[in-house]
Amino acid sequence: MADNTEKDPSEWVSGDDPMTGAQASYLKTLSEQSHQPDPTESQLTKAQASELIDKLRAEAGLDK
């Protein structure tokens, strides 16, 4: 049986919608912790925000 609990952000139906408030808040926190520019200044989509969250978490050594 295939695991469908996690879908690639590029396949999200709503992936082109603007990032959510929760995503923006978490990205701001992660960027502050990693001393990187605040990515919430740009108009990210939900999918882009999700991918950036994964990238920043990986760089910070946080588990997924």
N, C-alpha and C. Protein backbone atom coordinates (compact mmCIF):
# COMPACT_ATOMS: atom_id res chain seq x y z
N MET A 1 0.84 -1.17 0.00
CA MET A 1 0.00 0.00 0.00
C MET A 1 0.89 1.24 0.00
N ALA A 2 0.59 2.18 -0.87
CA ALA A 2 1.39 3.39 -0.99
C ALA A 2 1.13 4.34 0.17
N ASP A 3 2.16 5.03 0.59
CA ASP A 3 2.03 6.02 1.66
C ASP A 3 1.65 7.35 1.03
N ASN A 4 0.43 7.81 1.29
CA ASN A 4 -0.02 9.07 0.71
C ASN A 4 -0.21 10.15 1.77
N THR A 5 0.45 9.98 2.91
CA THR A 5 0.30 10.97 3.97
C THR A 5 1.11 12.22 3.71
N GLU A 6 2.10 12.13 2.81
CA GLU A 6 2.92 13.29 2.50
C GLU A 6 3.00 13.43 0.98
N LYS A 7 2.52 14.55 0.48
CA LYS A 7 2.49 14.78 -0.96
C LYS A 7 3.51 15.86 -1.30
N ASP A 8 4.16 15.69 -2.43
CA ASP A 8 5.11 16.69 -2.91
C ASP A 8 4.39 18.02 -3.09
N PRO A 9 4.93 19.12 -2.56
CA PRO A 9 4.27 20.42 -2.68
C PRO A 9 3.95 20.81 -4.13
N SER A 10 4.74 20.36 -5.08
CA SER A 10 4.48 20.70 -6.47
C SER A 10 3.18 20.05 -6.98
N GLU A 11 2.68 19.06 -6.25
CA GLU A 11 1.45 18.36 -6.64
C GLU A 11 0.22 18.85 -5.87
N TRP A 12 0.39 19.81 -4.96
CA TRP A 12 -0.72 20.32 -4.19
C TRP A 12 -1.70 21.05 -5.08
N VAL A 13 -2.98 20.83 -4.88
CA VAL A 13 -4.02 21.55 -5.61
C VAL A 13 -3.95 23.03 -5.27
N SER A 14 -3.70 23.35 -4.02
CA SER A 14 -3.66 24.75 -3.58
C SER A 14 -2.23 25.27 -3.47
N GLY A 15 -1.28 24.60 -4.09
CA GLY A 15 0.13 24.98 -3.98
C GLY A 15 0.45 26.36 -4.51
N ASP A 16 -0.36 26.87 -5.44
CA ASP A 16 -0.12 28.19 -5.99
C ASP A 16 -0.78 29.31 -5.19
N ASP A 17 -1.54 28.95 -4.16
CA ASP A 17 -2.15 29.95 -3.29
C ASP A 17 -1.06 30.63 -2.47
N PRO A 18 -1.30 31.84 -1.98
CA PRO A 18 -0.31 32.50 -1.12
C PRO A 18 -0.05 31.69 0.14
N MET A 19 1.18 31.79 0.66
CA MET A 19 1.52 31.06 1.88
C MET A 19 0.55 31.46 3.00
N THR A 20 0.37 30.55 3.92
CA THR A 20 -0.53 30.78 5.04
C THR A 20 0.16 31.63 6.11
N GLY A 21 -0.62 32.16 7.01
CA GLY A 21 -0.06 32.91 8.12
C GLY A 21 0.85 32.05 8.98
N ALA A 22 0.47 30.79 9.16
CA ALA A 22 1.29 29.87 9.96
C ALA A 22 2.63 29.62 9.29
N GLN A 23 2.61 29.46 7.97
CA GLN A 23 3.87 29.26 7.24
C GLN A 23 4.76 30.49 7.36
N ALA A 24 4.17 31.67 7.20
CA ALA A 24 4.94 32.91 7.28
C ALA A 24 5.57 33.06 8.66
N SER A 25 4.81 32.77 9.69
CA SER A 25 5.32 32.88 11.05
C SER A 25 6.47 31.91 11.29
N TYR A 26 6.31 30.67 10.85
CA TYR A 26 7.34 29.66 11.05
C TYR A 26 8.59 30.00 10.24
N LEU A 27 8.41 30.48 9.01
CA LEU A 27 9.56 30.88 8.20
C LEU A 27 10.32 32.02 8.85
N LYS A 28 9.60 32.96 9.42
CA LYS A 28 10.25 34.09 10.10
C LYS A 28 11.08 33.58 11.27
N THR A 29 10.51 32.68 12.05
CA THR A 29 11.23 32.10 13.19
C THR A 29 12.47 31.35 12.73
N LEU A 30 12.32 30.48 11.73
CA LEU A 30 13.47 29.72 11.23
C LEU A 30 14.55 30.63 10.67
N SER A 31 14.17 31.67 9.95
CA SER A 31 15.17 32.56 9.37
C SER A 31 15.91 33.34 10.46
N GLU A 32 15.20 33.74 11.50
CA GLU A 32 15.84 34.43 12.62
C GLU A 32 16.84 33.51 13.31
N GLN A 33 16.45 32.26 13.53
CA GLN A 33 17.32 31.30 14.20
C GLN A 33 18.56 30.98 13.37
N SER A 34 18.42 31.02 12.05
CA SER A 34 19.55 30.69 11.19
C SER A 34 20.28 31.93 10.67
N HIS A 35 19.90 33.10 11.19
CA HIS A 35 20.54 34.37 10.83
C HIS A 35 20.51 34.61 9.32
N GLN A 36 19.35 34.32 8.72
CA GLN A 36 19.17 34.54 7.29
C GLN A 36 18.10 35.61 7.09
N PRO A 37 18.08 36.23 5.91
CA PRO A 37 17.07 37.26 5.65
C PRO A 37 15.66 36.70 5.78
N ASP A 38 14.74 37.55 6.18
CA ASP A 38 13.34 37.17 6.35
C ASP A 38 12.72 36.88 4.98
N PRO A 39 12.38 35.62 4.70
CA PRO A 39 11.81 35.28 3.39
C PRO A 39 10.35 35.68 3.24
N THR A 40 9.72 36.13 4.32
CA THR A 40 8.31 36.47 4.24
C THR A 40 8.09 37.80 3.55
N GLU A 41 9.16 38.53 3.26
CA GLU A 41 9.05 39.79 2.53
C GLU A 41 8.63 39.54 1.08
N SER A 42 8.94 38.36 0.55
CA SER A 42 8.57 38.02 -0.82
C SER A 42 7.22 37.32 -0.82
N GLN A 43 6.60 37.32 -1.96
CA GLN A 43 5.28 36.71 -2.11
C GLN A 43 5.43 35.23 -2.46
N LEU A 44 5.60 34.40 -1.46
CA LEU A 44 5.76 32.96 -1.68
C LEU A 44 4.40 32.28 -1.79
N THR A 45 4.37 31.20 -2.55
CA THR A 45 3.17 30.36 -2.59
C THR A 45 3.25 29.36 -1.44
N LYS A 46 2.15 28.67 -1.21
CA LYS A 46 2.14 27.63 -0.18
C LYS A 46 3.21 26.58 -0.46
N ALA A 47 3.32 26.18 -1.72
CA ALA A 47 4.30 25.15 -2.08
C ALA A 47 5.72 25.66 -1.87
N GLN A 48 6.01 26.89 -2.30
CA GLN A 48 7.35 27.46 -2.13
C GLN A 48 7.69 27.59 -0.65
N ALA A 49 6.73 28.04 0.15
CA ALA A 49 6.95 28.20 1.58
C ALA A 49 7.25 26.85 2.23
N SER A 50 6.50 25.83 1.84
CA SER A 50 6.72 24.49 2.40
C SER A 50 8.12 23.98 2.06
N GLU A 51 8.53 24.17 0.82
CA GLU A 51 9.86 23.72 0.41
C GLU A 51 10.96 24.49 1.14
N LEU A 52 10.75 25.78 1.34
CA LEU A 52 11.73 26.59 2.06
C LEU A 52 11.80 26.19 3.54
N ILE A 53 10.66 25.89 4.12
CA ILE A 53 10.64 25.41 5.51
C ILE A 53 11.45 24.13 5.62
N ASP A 54 11.23 23.19 4.71
CA ASP A 54 11.99 21.94 4.72
C ASP A 54 13.49 22.21 4.59
N LYS A 55 13.86 23.12 3.70
CA LYS A 55 15.28 23.45 3.48
C LYS A 55 15.90 24.06 4.74
N LEU A 56 15.22 25.04 5.34
CA LEU A 56 15.76 25.69 6.53
C LEU A 56 15.83 24.72 7.70
N ARG A 57 14.84 23.84 7.84
CA ARG A 57 14.89 22.83 8.90
C ARG A 57 16.06 21.88 8.70
N ALA A 58 16.29 21.47 7.46
CA ALA A 58 17.42 20.57 7.17
C ALA A 58 18.75 21.26 7.48
N GLU A 59 18.87 22.52 7.10
CA GLU A 59 20.10 23.26 7.36
C GLU A 59 20.34 23.45 8.85
N ALA A 60 19.24 23.54 9.61
CA ALA A 60 19.35 23.72 11.05
C ALA A 60 19.51 22.40 11.79
N GLY A 61 19.40 21.29 11.05
CA GLY A 61 19.54 19.97 11.67
C GLY A 61 18.32 19.53 12.45
N LEU A 62 17.17 20.11 12.12
CA LEU A 62 15.93 19.74 12.81
C LEU A 62 15.29 18.55 12.09
N ASP A 63 14.72 17.66 12.86
CA ASP A 63 14.04 16.51 12.27
C ASP A 63 12.80 16.99 11.56
N LYS A 64 12.42 16.25 10.55
CA LYS A 64 11.22 16.56 9.78
C LYS A 64 9.98 16.21 10.50
